[in-house]
């Protein structure tokens, strides 16, 4: 069985900043998202997988497909 954690322990773990990356411009946590795009050199649709770091600075551009 797993150990029982209190709400305070869960909250402390969720709010800890250890091991998290922060954007130097906007000072928010950087999240990593997986983008699936079409490979441009082929005639048929085949996926191209990319991992992109997203923060508040570039979130709108990534979600709009500009990046």
PDB file of N, CA and C in Angstrom:
ATOM      1  N   UNK A   1       0.828  -1.182   0.000  1.00  0.00           N
ATOM      2  CA  UNK A   1       0.000   0.000   0.000  1.00  0.00           C
ATOM      3  C   UNK A   1       0.868   1.240   0.000  1.00  0.00           C
ATOM      4  N   UNK A   2       0.359   2.255  -0.638  1.00  0.00           N
ATOM      5  CA  UNK A   2       1.062   3.525  -0.664  1.00  0.00           C
ATOM      6  C   UNK A   2       0.901   4.256   0.647  1.00  0.00           C
ATOM      7  N   UNK A   3       1.779   5.201   0.867  1.00  0.00           N
ATOM      8  CA  UNK A   3       1.658   5.933   2.116  1.00  0.00           C
ATOM      9  C   UNK A   3       0.589   7.013   1.997  1.00  0.00           C
ATOM     10  N   UNK A   4      -0.040   7.288   3.099  1.00  0.00           N
ATOM     11  CA  UNK A   4      -1.104   8.271   3.150  1.00  0.00           C
ATOM     12  C   UNK A   4      -0.466   9.648   3.286  1.00  0.00           C
ATOM     13  N   UNK A   5      -0.856  10.551   2.379  1.00  0.00           N
ATOM     14  CA  UNK A   5      -0.314  11.910   2.436  1.00  0.00           C
ATOM     15  C   UNK A   5      -1.424  12.866   2.816  1.00  0.00           C
ATOM     16  N   UNK A   6      -1.071  13.813   3.626  1.00  0.00           N
ATOM     17  CA  UNK A   6      -2.049  14.811   4.031  1.00  0.00           C
ATOM     18  C   UNK A   6      -2.199  15.854   2.930  1.00  0.00           C
ATOM     19  N   UNK A   7      -3.222  16.666   3.041  1.00  0.00           N
ATOM     20  CA  UNK A   7      -3.448  17.725   2.061  1.00  0.00           C
ATOM     21  C   UNK A   7      -2.301  18.723   2.076  1.00  0.00           C
ATOM     22  N   UNK A   8      -1.768  19.008   3.256  1.00  0.00           N
ATOM     23  CA  UNK A   8      -0.657  19.954   3.365  1.00  0.00           C
ATOM     24  C   UNK A   8       0.584  19.425   2.642  1.00  0.00           C
ATOM     25  N   UNK A   9       0.825  18.124   2.724  1.00  0.00           N
ATOM     26  CA  UNK A   9       1.974  17.538   2.031  1.00  0.00           C
ATOM     27  C   UNK A   9       1.788  17.599   0.521  1.00  0.00           C
ATOM     28  N   UNK A  10       0.578  17.338   0.045  1.00  0.00           N
ATOM     29  CA  UNK A  10       0.298  17.411  -1.391  1.00  0.00           C
ATOM     30  C   UNK A  10       0.442  18.843  -1.898  1.00  0.00           C
ATOM     31  N   UNK A  11      -0.027  19.795  -1.118  1.00  0.00           N
ATOM     32  CA  UNK A  11       0.062  21.200  -1.504  1.00  0.00           C
ATOM     33  C   UNK A  11       1.516  21.671  -1.525  1.00  0.00           C
ATOM     34  N   UNK A  12       2.300  21.244  -0.562  1.00  0.00           N
ATOM     35  CA  UNK A  12       3.714  21.623  -0.524  1.00  0.00           C
ATOM     36  C   UNK A  12       4.461  21.041  -1.713  1.00  0.00           C
ATOM     37  N   UNK A  13       4.107  19.828  -2.110  1.00  0.00           N
ATOM     38  CA  UNK A  13       4.754  19.206  -3.263  1.00  0.00           C
ATOM     39  C   UNK A  13       4.368  19.918  -4.558  1.00  0.00           C
ATOM     40  N   UNK A  14       3.124  20.314  -4.693  1.00  0.00           N
ATOM     41  CA  UNK A  14       2.650  20.971  -5.913  1.00  0.00           C
ATOM     42  C   UNK A  14       3.218  22.380  -6.057  1.00  0.00           C
ATOM     43  N   UNK A  15       3.452  23.058  -4.951  1.00  0.00           N
ATOM     44  CA  UNK A  15       3.920  24.442  -5.016  1.00  0.00           C
ATOM     45  C   UNK A  15       5.435  24.572  -4.946  1.00  0.00           C
ATOM     46  N   UNK A  16       6.148  23.456  -4.774  1.00  0.00           N
ATOM     47  CA  UNK A  16       7.608  23.560  -4.714  1.00  0.00           C
ATOM     48  C   UNK A  16       8.149  23.940  -6.083  1.00  0.00           C
ATOM     49  N   UNK A  17       9.193  24.732  -6.092  1.00  0.00           N
ATOM     50  CA  UNK A  17       9.772  25.211  -7.343  1.00  0.00           C
ATOM     51  C   UNK A  17      11.051  24.465  -7.689  1.00  0.00           C
ATOM     52  N   UNK A  18      11.319  23.404  -6.988  1.00  0.00           N
ATOM     53  CA  UNK A  18      12.529  22.641  -7.220  1.00  0.00           C
ATOM     54  C   UNK A  18      12.407  21.826  -8.509  1.00  0.00           C
ATOM     55  N   UNK A  19      13.346  21.983  -9.403  1.00  0.00           N
ATOM     56  CA  UNK A  19      13.350  21.223 -10.644  1.00  0.00           C
ATOM     57  C   UNK A  19      12.481  21.806 -11.738  1.00  0.00           C
ATOM     58  N   UNK A  20      11.917  22.985 -11.543  1.00  0.00           N
ATOM     59  CA  UNK A  20      11.063  23.606 -12.550  1.00  0.00           C
ATOM     60  C   UNK A  20      11.840  24.709 -13.258  1.00  0.00           C
ATOM     61  N   UNK A  21      11.560  24.880 -14.546  1.00  0.00           N
ATOM     62  CA  UNK A  21      12.190  25.946 -15.315  1.00  0.00           C
ATOM     63  C   UNK A  21      11.263  27.150 -15.353  1.00  0.00           C
ATOM     64  N   UNK A  22      11.844  28.342 -15.257  1.00  0.00           N
ATOM     65  CA  UNK A  22      11.074  29.574 -15.306  1.00  0.00           C
ATOM     66  C   UNK A  22      11.611  30.466 -16.414  1.00  0.00           C
ATOM     67  N   UNK A  23      10.701  31.148 -17.088  1.00  0.00           N
ATOM     68  CA  UNK A  23      11.061  32.064 -18.167  1.00  0.00           C
ATOM     69  C   UNK A  23      11.675  33.323 -17.559  1.00  0.00           C
ATOM     70  N   UNK A  24      12.820  33.774 -18.080  1.00  0.00           N
ATOM     71  CA  UNK A  24      13.420  34.989 -17.523  1.00  0.00           C
ATOM     72  C   UNK A  24      12.659  36.262 -17.884  1.00  0.00           C
ATOM     73  N   UNK A  25      11.891  36.246 -18.985  1.00  0.00           N
ATOM     74  CA  UNK A  25      11.139  37.439 -19.390  1.00  0.00           C
ATOM     75  C   UNK A  25       9.887  37.635 -18.546  1.00  0.00           C
ATOM     76  N   UNK A  26       9.014  36.606 -18.537  1.00  0.00           N
ATOM     77  CA  UNK A  26       7.710  36.770 -17.885  1.00  0.00           C
ATOM     78  C   UNK A  26       7.652  36.130 -16.500  1.00  0.00           C
ATOM     79  N   UNK A  27       8.699  35.410 -16.093  1.00  0.00           N
ATOM     80  CA  UNK A  27       8.799  34.799 -14.770  1.00  0.00           C
ATOM     81  C   UNK A  27       7.659  33.824 -14.485  1.00  0.00           C
ATOM     82  N   UNK A  28       7.251  33.046 -15.498  1.00  0.00           N
ATOM     83  CA  UNK A  28       6.257  31.990 -15.307  1.00  0.00           C
ATOM     84  C   UNK A  28       6.907  30.647 -15.602  1.00  0.00           C
ATOM     85  N   UNK A  29       6.278  29.595 -15.132  1.00  0.00           N
ATOM     86  CA  UNK A  29       6.816  28.254 -15.320  1.00  0.00           C
ATOM     87  C   UNK A  29       6.749  27.850 -16.795  1.00  0.00           C
ATOM     88  N   UNK A  30       7.798  27.219 -17.276  1.00  0.00           N
ATOM     89  CA  UNK A  30       7.846  26.755 -18.658  1.00  0.00           C
ATOM     90  C   UNK A  30       7.284  25.341 -18.708  1.00  0.00           C
ATOM     91  N   UNK A  31       6.283  25.153 -19.582  1.00  0.00           N
ATOM     92  CA  UNK A  31       5.689  23.835 -19.782  1.00  0.00           C
ATOM     93  C   UNK A  31       6.185  23.274 -21.106  1.00  0.00           C
ATOM     94  N   UNK A  32       6.200  21.974 -21.226  1.00  0.00           N
ATOM     95  CA  UNK A  32       6.621  21.330 -22.464  1.00  0.00           C
ATOM     96  C   UNK A  32       5.400  20.678 -23.090  1.00  0.00           C
ATOM     97  N   UNK A  33       5.159  20.997 -24.370  1.00  0.00           N
ATOM     98  CA  UNK A  33       4.019  20.439 -25.091  1.00  0.00           C
ATOM     99  C   UNK A  33       4.529  19.708 -26.325  1.00  0.00           C
ATOM    100  N   UNK A  34       3.809  18.676 -26.718  1.00  0.00           N
ATOM    101  CA  UNK A  34       4.166  17.902 -27.902  1.00  0.00           C
ATOM    102  C   UNK A  34       3.309  18.373 -29.065  1.00  0.00           C
ATOM    103  N   UNK A  35       3.946  18.881 -30.125  1.00  0.00           N
ATOM    104  CA  UNK A  35       3.242  19.329 -31.318  1.00  0.00           C
ATOM    105  C   UNK A  35       3.350  18.255 -32.390  1.00  0.00           C
ATOM    106  N   UNK A  36       2.255  18.007 -33.071  1.00  0.00           N
ATOM    107  CA  UNK A  36       2.237  17.053 -34.176  1.00  0.00           C
ATOM    108  C   UNK A  36       1.914  17.829 -35.431  1.00  0.00           C
ATOM    109  N   UNK A  37       2.861  17.858 -36.364  1.00  0.00           N
ATOM    110  CA  UNK A  37       2.699  18.601 -37.607  1.00  0.00           C
ATOM    111  C   UNK A  37       2.885  17.674 -38.796  1.00  0.00           C
ATOM    112  N   UNK A  38       2.633  18.212 -39.965  1.00  0.00           N
ATOM    113  CA  UNK A  38       2.819  17.474 -41.207  1.00  0.00           C
ATOM    114  C   UNK A  38       4.251  17.668 -41.678  1.00  0.00           C
ATOM    115  N   UNK A  39       4.862  16.589 -42.155  1.00  0.00           N
ATOM    116  CA  UNK A  39       6.188  16.716 -42.755  1.00  0.00           C
ATOM    117  C   UNK A  39       6.035  17.438 -44.076  1.00  0.00           C
ATOM    118  N   UNK A  40       6.816  18.455 -44.303  1.00  0.00           N
ATOM    119  CA  UNK A  40       6.612  19.319 -45.466  1.00  0.00           C
ATOM    120  C   UNK A  40       7.139  18.721 -46.764  1.00  0.00           C
ATOM    121  N   UNK A  41       8.058  17.777 -46.703  1.00  0.00           N
ATOM    122  CA  UNK A  41       8.667  17.298 -47.931  1.00  0.00           C
ATOM    123  C   UNK A  41       7.928  16.122 -48.584  1.00  0.00           C
ATOM    124  N   UNK A  42       6.894  15.614 -47.981  1.00  0.00           N
ATOM    125  CA  UNK A  42       6.197  14.464 -48.560  1.00  0.00           C
ATOM    126  C   UNK A  42       4.851  14.882 -49.139  1.00  0.00           C
ATOM    127  N   UNK A  43       4.347  14.093 -50.078  1.00  0.00           N
ATOM    128  CA  UNK A  43       3.058  14.403 -50.695  1.00  0.00           C
ATOM    129  C   UNK A  43       1.904  13.933 -49.833  1.00  0.00           C
ATOM    130  N   UNK A  44       2.112  12.857 -49.077  1.00  0.00           N
ATOM    131  CA  UNK A  44       1.051  12.422 -48.173  1.00  0.00           C
ATOM    132  C   UNK A  44       1.292  12.970 -46.768  1.00  0.00           C
ATOM    133  N   UNK A  45       0.254  12.835 -45.974  1.00  0.00           N
ATOM    134  CA  UNK A  45       0.349  13.358 -44.614  1.00  0.00           C
ATOM    135  C   UNK A  45       1.043  12.330 -43.740  1.00  0.00           C
ATOM    136  N   UNK A  46       2.151  12.724 -43.167  1.00  0.00           N
ATOM    137  CA  UNK A  46       2.827  11.890 -42.179  1.00  0.00           C
ATOM    138  C   UNK A  46       3.244  12.803 -41.026  1.00  0.00           C
ATOM    139  N   UNK A  47       3.167  12.302 -39.810  1.00  0.00           N
ATOM    140  CA  UNK A  47       3.383  13.176 -38.654  1.00  0.00           C
ATOM    141  C   UNK A  47       4.854  13.495 -38.402  1.00  0.00           C
ATOM    142  N   UNK A  48       5.059  14.689 -37.889  1.00  0.00           N
ATOM    143  CA  UNK A  48       6.364  15.145 -37.422  1.00  0.00           C
ATOM    144  C   UNK A  48       6.158  15.594 -35.980  1.00  0.00           C
ATOM    145  N   UNK A  49       6.838  14.949 -35.053  1.00  0.00           N
ATOM    146  CA  UNK A  49       6.644  15.230 -33.636  1.00  0.00           C
ATOM    147  C   UNK A  49       7.713  16.200 -33.143  1.00  0.00           C
ATOM    148  N   UNK A  50       7.279  17.223 -32.433  1.00  0.00           N
ATOM    149  CA  UNK A  50       8.193  18.209 -31.858  1.00  0.00           C
ATOM    150  C   UNK A  50       7.781  18.482 -30.415  1.00  0.00           C
ATOM    151  N   UNK A  51       8.762  18.714 -29.575  1.00  0.00           N
ATOM    152  CA  UNK A  51       8.506  19.142 -28.212  1.00  0.00           C
ATOM    153  C   UNK A  51       8.887  20.611 -28.107  1.00  0.00           C
ATOM    154  N   UNK A  52       7.942  21.437 -27.649  1.00  0.00           N
ATOM    155  CA  UNK A  52       8.134  22.881 -27.594  1.00  0.00           C
ATOM    156  C   UNK A  52       7.954  23.352 -26.156  1.00  0.00           C
ATOM    157  N   UNK A  53       8.819  24.257 -25.737  1.00  0.00           N
ATOM    158  CA  UNK A  53       8.684  24.860 -24.410  1.00  0.00           C
ATOM    159  C   UNK A  53       7.745  26.051 -24.517  1.00  0.00           C
ATOM    160  N   UNK A  54       6.716  26.071 -23.660  1.00  0.00           N
ATOM    161  CA  UNK A  54       5.694  27.111 -23.721  1.00  0.00           C
ATOM    162  C   UNK A  54       5.658  27.874 -22.399  1.00  0.00           C
ATOM    163  N   UNK A  55       5.640  29.200 -22.508  1.00  0.00           N
ATOM    164  CA  UNK A  55       5.408  30.075 -21.359  1.00  0.00           C
ATOM    165  C   UNK A  55       4.408  31.137 -21.805  1.00  0.00           C
ATOM    166  N   UNK A  56       4.156  32.114 -20.987  1.00  0.00           N
ATOM    167  CA  UNK A  56       3.185  33.160 -21.337  1.00  0.00           C
ATOM    168  C   UNK A  56       3.657  34.012 -22.510  1.00  0.00           C
ATOM    169  N   UNK A  57       4.967  34.105 -22.718  1.00  0.00           N
ATOM    170  CA  UNK A  57       5.505  34.922 -23.819  1.00  0.00           C
ATOM    171  C   UNK A  57       5.105  34.379 -25.189  1.00  0.00           C
ATOM    172  N   UNK A  58       5.173  33.053 -25.365  1.00  0.00           N
ATOM    173  CA  UNK A  58       4.931  32.476 -26.682  1.00  0.00           C
ATOM    174  C   UNK A  58       3.705  31.567 -26.742  1.00  0.00           C
ATOM    175  N   UNK A  59       2.876  31.572 -25.714  1.00  0.00           N
ATOM    176  CA  UNK A  59       1.728  30.667 -25.658  1.00  0.00           C
ATOM    177  C   UNK A  59       0.729  30.929 -26.788  1.00  0.00           C
ATOM    178  N   UNK A  60       0.417  32.182 -27.056  1.00  0.00           N
ATOM    179  CA  UNK A  60      -0.560  32.508 -28.098  1.00  0.00           C
ATOM    180  C   UNK A  60      -0.043  32.130 -29.479  1.00  0.00           C
ATOM    181  N   UNK A  61       1.241  32.349 -29.724  1.00  0.00           N
ATOM    182  CA  UNK A  61       1.815  31.998 -31.022  1.00  0.00           C
ATOM    183  C   UNK A  61       1.826  30.489 -31.254  1.00  0.00           C
ATOM    184  N   UNK A  62       2.153  29.724 -30.226  1.00  0.00           N
ATOM    185  CA  UNK A  62       2.194  28.266 -30.365  1.00  0.00           C
ATOM    186  C   UNK A  62       0.792  27.714 -30.573  1.00  0.00           C
ATOM    187  N   UNK A  63      -0.168  28.184 -29.805  1.00  0.00           N
ATOM    188  CA  UNK A  63      -1.533  27.678 -29.931  1.00  0.00           C
ATOM    189  C   UNK A  63      -2.181  28.102 -31.247  1.00  0.00           C
ATOM    190  N   UNK A  64      -1.738  29.217 -31.829  1.00  0.00           N
ATOM    191  CA  UNK A  64      -2.276  29.673 -33.111  1.00  0.00           C
ATOM    192  C   UNK A  64      -1.597  28.981 -34.289  1.00  0.00           C
ATOM    193  N   UNK A  65      -0.496  28.275 -34.050  1.00  0.00           N
ATOM    194  CA  UNK A  65       0.201  27.576 -35.117  1.00  0.00           C
ATOM    195  C   UNK A  65       1.243  28.407 -35.821  1.00  0.00           C
ATOM    196  N   UNK A  66       1.621  29.535 -35.256  1.00  0.00           N
ATOM    197  CA  UNK A  66       2.614  30.398 -35.893  1.00  0.00           C
ATOM    198  C   UNK A  66       4.035  29.886 -35.687  1.00  0.00           C
ATOM    199  N   UNK A  67       4.251  29.130 -34.643  1.00  0.00           N
ATOM    200  CA  UNK A  67       5.598  28.604 -34.360  1.00  0.00           C
ATOM    201  C   UNK A  67       5.665  27.164 -34.803  1.00  0.00           C
TER     202      UNK A  67
END
